[in-house]
N, C-alpha and C. Protein backbone atom coordinates (compact mmCIF):
# COMPACT_ATOMS: atom_id res chain seq x y z
N UNK A 1 -26.64 146.66 -70.92
CA UNK A 1 -26.37 144.88 -71.03
C UNK A 1 -27.26 144.48 -72.16
N UNK A 2 -26.65 143.63 -72.72
CA UNK A 2 -26.96 142.92 -74.05
C UNK A 2 -27.84 141.87 -73.74
N UNK A 3 -28.14 141.08 -74.97
CA UNK A 3 -29.18 139.98 -75.04
C UNK A 3 -28.82 139.04 -76.05
N UNK A 4 -29.40 137.71 -75.74
CA UNK A 4 -29.10 136.78 -76.58
C UNK A 4 -30.27 136.18 -77.26
N UNK A 5 -30.34 135.84 -78.52
CA UNK A 5 -31.29 135.02 -79.14
C UNK A 5 -30.65 133.39 -79.07
N UNK A 6 -31.55 132.29 -78.85
CA UNK A 6 -31.04 131.21 -78.85
C UNK A 6 -32.10 130.12 -79.47
N UNK A 7 -31.50 129.01 -80.07
CA UNK A 7 -32.52 128.04 -80.43
C UNK A 7 -32.07 126.77 -79.86
N UNK A 8 -33.14 126.00 -79.17
CA UNK A 8 -33.06 124.75 -78.75
C UNK A 8 -33.84 123.74 -79.60
N UNK A 9 -33.52 122.63 -79.40
CA UNK A 9 -34.17 121.46 -80.03
C UNK A 9 -33.79 120.19 -79.15
N UNK A 10 -34.43 119.09 -79.61
CA UNK A 10 -34.52 117.88 -78.95
C UNK A 10 -33.54 116.80 -79.69
N UNK A 11 -33.43 117.05 -80.94
CA UNK A 11 -32.29 116.31 -81.78
C UNK A 11 -32.20 116.91 -83.23
N UNK A 12 -31.31 116.56 -83.85
CA UNK A 12 -30.98 117.23 -85.15
C UNK A 12 -32.31 117.35 -86.15
N UNK A 13 -32.57 118.45 -86.59
CA UNK A 13 -33.91 118.38 -87.40
C UNK A 13 -34.98 118.50 -86.64
N UNK A 14 -34.99 118.22 -85.24
CA UNK A 14 -36.09 117.95 -84.54
C UNK A 14 -37.07 119.22 -84.08
N UNK A 15 -37.94 119.26 -83.33
CA UNK A 15 -38.67 120.35 -82.66
C UNK A 15 -37.63 121.84 -82.33
N UNK A 16 -37.91 122.80 -82.85
CA UNK A 16 -37.18 123.94 -82.62
C UNK A 16 -37.90 124.86 -81.67
N UNK A 17 -37.25 125.62 -80.80
CA UNK A 17 -37.72 126.60 -80.08
C UNK A 17 -36.74 127.88 -80.07
N UNK A 18 -37.44 128.89 -80.23
CA UNK A 18 -36.42 130.19 -80.26
C UNK A 18 -36.70 130.96 -79.01
N UNK A 19 -35.62 131.29 -78.28
CA UNK A 19 -35.98 132.26 -77.06
C UNK A 19 -34.94 133.51 -77.13
N UNK A 20 -35.15 134.22 -75.89
CA UNK A 20 -34.28 135.55 -75.90
C UNK A 20 -34.27 135.63 -74.32
N UNK A 21 -33.17 136.18 -73.94
CA UNK A 21 -32.59 136.25 -72.62
C UNK A 21 -31.47 137.26 -72.45
N UNK A 22 -31.38 137.69 -71.05
CA UNK A 22 -30.04 138.58 -71.06
C UNK A 22 -29.06 137.75 -70.35
N UNK A 23 -29.26 136.56 -69.90
CA UNK A 23 -28.35 135.59 -69.29
C UNK A 23 -28.29 134.16 -69.85
N UNK A 24 -27.73 133.92 -70.83
CA UNK A 24 -27.91 132.81 -71.71
C UNK A 24 -27.55 131.66 -70.83
N UNK A 25 -26.56 131.65 -70.10
CA UNK A 25 -26.14 130.32 -69.35
C UNK A 25 -27.07 130.05 -68.41
N UNK A 26 -27.65 130.88 -67.43
CA UNK A 26 -28.86 130.62 -66.38
C UNK A 26 -30.27 130.08 -67.36
N UNK A 27 -30.52 130.64 -68.39
CA UNK A 27 -31.71 130.40 -69.04
C UNK A 27 -31.67 129.13 -69.82
N UNK A 28 -30.48 128.78 -70.45
CA UNK A 28 -30.47 127.25 -71.08
C UNK A 28 -30.22 126.23 -70.04
N UNK A 29 -29.67 126.76 -68.80
CA UNK A 29 -29.60 125.80 -67.43
C UNK A 29 -31.03 125.31 -67.01
N UNK A 30 -31.87 126.34 -67.14
CA UNK A 30 -33.37 126.29 -66.48
C UNK A 30 -34.06 125.26 -67.74
N UNK A 31 -33.88 125.58 -68.79
CA UNK A 31 -34.30 124.64 -69.75
C UNK A 31 -33.71 123.17 -69.90
N UNK A 32 -32.60 123.23 -69.65
CA UNK A 32 -31.90 121.50 -69.35
C UNK A 32 -32.48 121.07 -68.03
N UNK A 33 -32.67 121.73 -67.01
CA UNK A 33 -33.06 121.17 -65.57
C UNK A 33 -34.67 120.84 -65.65
N UNK A 34 -35.33 121.30 -66.68
CA UNK A 34 -36.74 121.21 -66.85
C UNK A 34 -37.55 122.37 -65.65
N UNK A 35 -36.85 123.31 -65.78
CA UNK A 35 -37.32 124.37 -64.62
C UNK A 35 -38.25 125.45 -65.53
N UNK A 36 -38.13 125.59 -66.76
CA UNK A 36 -38.75 126.35 -67.52
C UNK A 36 -40.20 125.66 -68.05
N UNK A 37 -41.28 126.03 -67.54
CA UNK A 37 -42.57 125.42 -67.81
C UNK A 37 -42.90 125.53 -69.18
N UNK A 38 -43.78 124.83 -69.85
CA UNK A 38 -44.29 124.78 -71.17
C UNK A 38 -43.71 124.17 -72.19
N UNK A 39 -43.50 124.86 -73.29
CA UNK A 39 -43.15 124.20 -74.75
C UNK A 39 -41.84 123.32 -74.45
N UNK A 40 -40.93 124.04 -74.22
CA UNK A 40 -39.62 123.37 -74.02
C UNK A 40 -39.44 121.98 -73.01
N UNK A 41 -40.30 122.20 -71.97
CA UNK A 41 -40.31 121.00 -70.89
C UNK A 41 -41.17 120.16 -71.65
N UNK A 42 -42.35 120.48 -72.27
CA UNK A 42 -43.24 119.40 -72.68
C UNK A 42 -42.60 118.48 -73.99
N UNK A 43 -41.71 119.15 -74.82
CA UNK A 43 -41.13 118.54 -75.78
C UNK A 43 -39.64 117.94 -75.51
N UNK A 44 -39.10 118.26 -74.45
CA UNK A 44 -37.81 117.83 -74.23
C UNK A 44 -36.70 118.64 -74.78
N UNK A 45 -36.84 119.85 -74.94
CA UNK A 45 -36.03 120.77 -75.92
C UNK A 45 -34.91 121.14 -74.98
N UNK A 46 -33.79 120.36 -74.98
CA UNK A 46 -32.62 120.67 -73.98
C UNK A 46 -31.31 120.99 -74.83
N UNK A 47 -31.17 120.83 -76.03
CA UNK A 47 -30.09 120.93 -76.84
C UNK A 47 -29.87 122.26 -77.46
N UNK A 48 -28.86 123.01 -77.09
CA UNK A 48 -28.68 124.32 -77.77
C UNK A 48 -27.82 124.41 -78.88
N UNK A 49 -28.50 124.56 -79.85
CA UNK A 49 -27.79 124.43 -81.32
C UNK A 49 -27.40 125.74 -81.89
N UNK A 50 -28.00 126.91 -81.40
CA UNK A 50 -27.75 128.14 -82.08
C UNK A 50 -27.98 129.25 -80.94
N UNK A 51 -26.96 130.32 -80.99
CA UNK A 51 -27.12 131.47 -80.30
C UNK A 51 -26.38 132.59 -80.80
N UNK A 52 -26.86 133.87 -80.63
CA UNK A 52 -25.97 134.87 -81.21
C UNK A 52 -26.52 136.09 -80.06
N UNK A 53 -25.14 136.81 -79.86
CA UNK A 53 -25.48 138.00 -78.83
C UNK A 53 -25.78 139.24 -79.66
N UNK A 54 -26.43 140.17 -78.82
CA UNK A 54 -26.91 141.41 -79.46
C UNK A 54 -26.46 142.61 -78.41
N UNK A 55 -26.08 143.69 -79.00
CA UNK A 55 -25.82 144.70 -77.93
C UNK A 55 -26.64 145.19 -76.93
N UNK A 56 -27.99 145.11 -77.21
CA UNK A 56 -28.97 145.51 -76.37
C UNK A 56 -30.08 144.32 -76.27
N UNK A 57 -30.99 144.28 -75.33
CA UNK A 57 -31.92 143.41 -75.25
C UNK A 57 -32.97 143.79 -76.29
N UNK A 58 -33.33 144.99 -76.60
CA UNK A 58 -34.27 145.60 -77.61
C UNK A 58 -33.89 144.87 -78.87
N UNK A 59 -32.56 144.99 -79.26
CA UNK A 59 -32.03 144.23 -80.53
C UNK A 59 -32.47 142.78 -80.67
N UNK A 60 -32.26 141.98 -79.41
CA UNK A 60 -32.38 140.78 -79.23
C UNK A 60 -33.72 140.38 -79.30
N UNK A 61 -34.62 141.08 -78.91
CA UNK A 61 -35.92 140.56 -78.99
C UNK A 61 -36.61 140.85 -80.47
N UNK A 62 -36.01 141.93 -81.01
CA UNK A 62 -36.28 142.17 -82.46
C UNK A 62 -36.16 141.15 -83.33
N UNK A 63 -34.69 140.53 -83.03
CA UNK A 63 -34.19 139.52 -83.88
C UNK A 63 -35.12 138.39 -83.59
N UNK A 64 -35.42 138.06 -82.53
CA UNK A 64 -36.10 136.71 -82.01
C UNK A 64 -37.35 136.92 -82.78
N UNK A 65 -38.15 137.96 -82.88
CA UNK A 65 -39.57 138.26 -83.50
C UNK A 65 -39.25 137.82 -84.89
N UNK A 66 -38.16 138.33 -85.39
CA UNK A 66 -37.86 137.92 -86.97
C UNK A 66 -37.69 136.58 -87.14
N UNK A 67 -36.87 135.90 -86.35
CA UNK A 67 -36.66 134.64 -86.62
C UNK A 67 -38.02 133.78 -86.48
N UNK A 68 -38.78 134.03 -85.26
CA UNK A 68 -39.93 133.16 -85.15
C UNK A 68 -40.79 133.28 -86.20
N UNK A 69 -40.91 134.17 -87.17
CA UNK A 69 -41.75 134.45 -88.55
C UNK A 69 -41.04 133.72 -89.67
N UNK A 70 -39.68 133.45 -89.43
CA UNK A 70 -39.14 132.65 -90.82
C UNK A 70 -40.03 131.23 -90.75
N UNK A 71 -39.72 130.69 -92.10
CA UNK A 71 -40.25 129.44 -92.43
C UNK A 71 -39.24 128.50 -91.47
N UNK A 72 -39.62 127.24 -91.30
CA UNK A 72 -39.07 126.23 -90.69
C UNK A 72 -37.40 126.03 -91.41
N UNK A 73 -37.56 126.14 -92.90
CA UNK A 73 -36.30 125.45 -93.48
C UNK A 73 -35.16 126.74 -93.41
N UNK A 74 -35.57 127.89 -93.33
CA UNK A 74 -34.60 129.06 -93.00
C UNK A 74 -34.02 128.90 -91.73
N UNK A 75 -34.80 128.26 -90.63
CA UNK A 75 -34.28 128.38 -89.53
C UNK A 75 -33.14 127.37 -89.29
N UNK A 76 -33.54 126.24 -90.06
CA UNK A 76 -32.75 124.94 -90.11
C UNK A 76 -31.37 125.61 -90.99
N UNK A 77 -31.63 126.25 -91.86
CA UNK A 77 -30.39 126.58 -92.67
C UNK A 77 -29.54 127.44 -91.69
N UNK A 78 -30.11 128.30 -90.95
CA UNK A 78 -29.26 129.08 -90.04
C UNK A 78 -28.51 128.33 -88.89
N UNK A 79 -29.20 127.28 -88.43
CA UNK A 79 -28.36 126.52 -87.57
C UNK A 79 -27.22 125.74 -88.36
N UNK A 80 -27.46 125.27 -89.51
CA UNK A 80 -26.41 124.39 -90.14
C UNK A 80 -25.20 125.48 -90.59
N UNK A 81 -25.64 126.71 -90.84
CA UNK A 81 -24.66 127.62 -91.27
C UNK A 81 -23.41 127.67 -90.32
N UNK A 82 -24.03 127.78 -88.92
CA UNK A 82 -22.89 127.67 -87.80
C UNK A 82 -22.52 126.53 -86.91
N UNK A 83 -23.63 125.52 -87.17
CA UNK A 83 -23.52 124.39 -86.33
C UNK A 83 -23.89 123.10 -87.27
N UNK A 84 -23.23 122.86 -88.22
CA UNK A 84 -23.52 121.64 -89.23
C UNK A 84 -24.02 120.36 -88.67
N UNK A 85 -23.13 120.15 -87.54
CA UNK A 85 -23.41 118.66 -86.80
C UNK A 85 -24.54 118.84 -85.71
N UNK A 86 -25.08 119.93 -85.67
CA UNK A 86 -26.18 120.07 -84.55
C UNK A 86 -25.74 119.75 -83.34
N UNK A 87 -24.32 119.90 -82.80
CA UNK A 87 -23.95 119.56 -81.76
C UNK A 87 -24.41 120.60 -80.61
N UNK A 88 -24.57 120.00 -79.31
CA UNK A 88 -24.94 120.61 -78.17
C UNK A 88 -23.90 121.76 -77.92
N UNK A 89 -24.41 123.32 -77.89
CA UNK A 89 -23.24 124.16 -77.58
C UNK A 89 -23.10 124.36 -76.07
N UNK A 90 -23.96 123.86 -75.24
CA UNK A 90 -23.90 124.00 -73.79
C UNK A 90 -22.55 124.15 -73.29
N UNK A 91 -21.59 123.30 -73.59
CA UNK A 91 -20.41 123.11 -73.10
C UNK A 91 -19.52 124.31 -73.46
N UNK A 92 -19.67 124.82 -74.76
CA UNK A 92 -19.00 126.19 -75.18
C UNK A 92 -19.46 127.41 -74.29
N UNK A 93 -20.66 127.13 -73.56
CA UNK A 93 -21.13 128.37 -72.88
C UNK A 93 -20.47 128.38 -71.39
N UNK A 94 -19.98 126.83 -71.01
CA UNK A 94 -19.44 126.95 -69.64
C UNK A 94 -17.86 127.22 -69.72
N UNK A 95 -17.40 127.46 -70.74
CA UNK A 95 -15.89 127.93 -70.76
C UNK A 95 -15.76 129.49 -70.64
């Protein structure tokens, strides 16, 4: 089973959160419903602006750790490279 790395925000160029999961639909739904305690709920981070699938959870976790150490501008550049309008990708997960 693979894994996903994802980035949530509250608005374009707003606060960023990077997470990892093996079930992105469930996990993003938890964030959107306020069921995930902590940082995302405290800052209202519900907009999925980036995600990528990895073949294994180990690879996803490694990628998450790398991204978390990037400077903010690199993270913004990553998002803009695939989602320049910062649109919420939640609907795309539902298809």
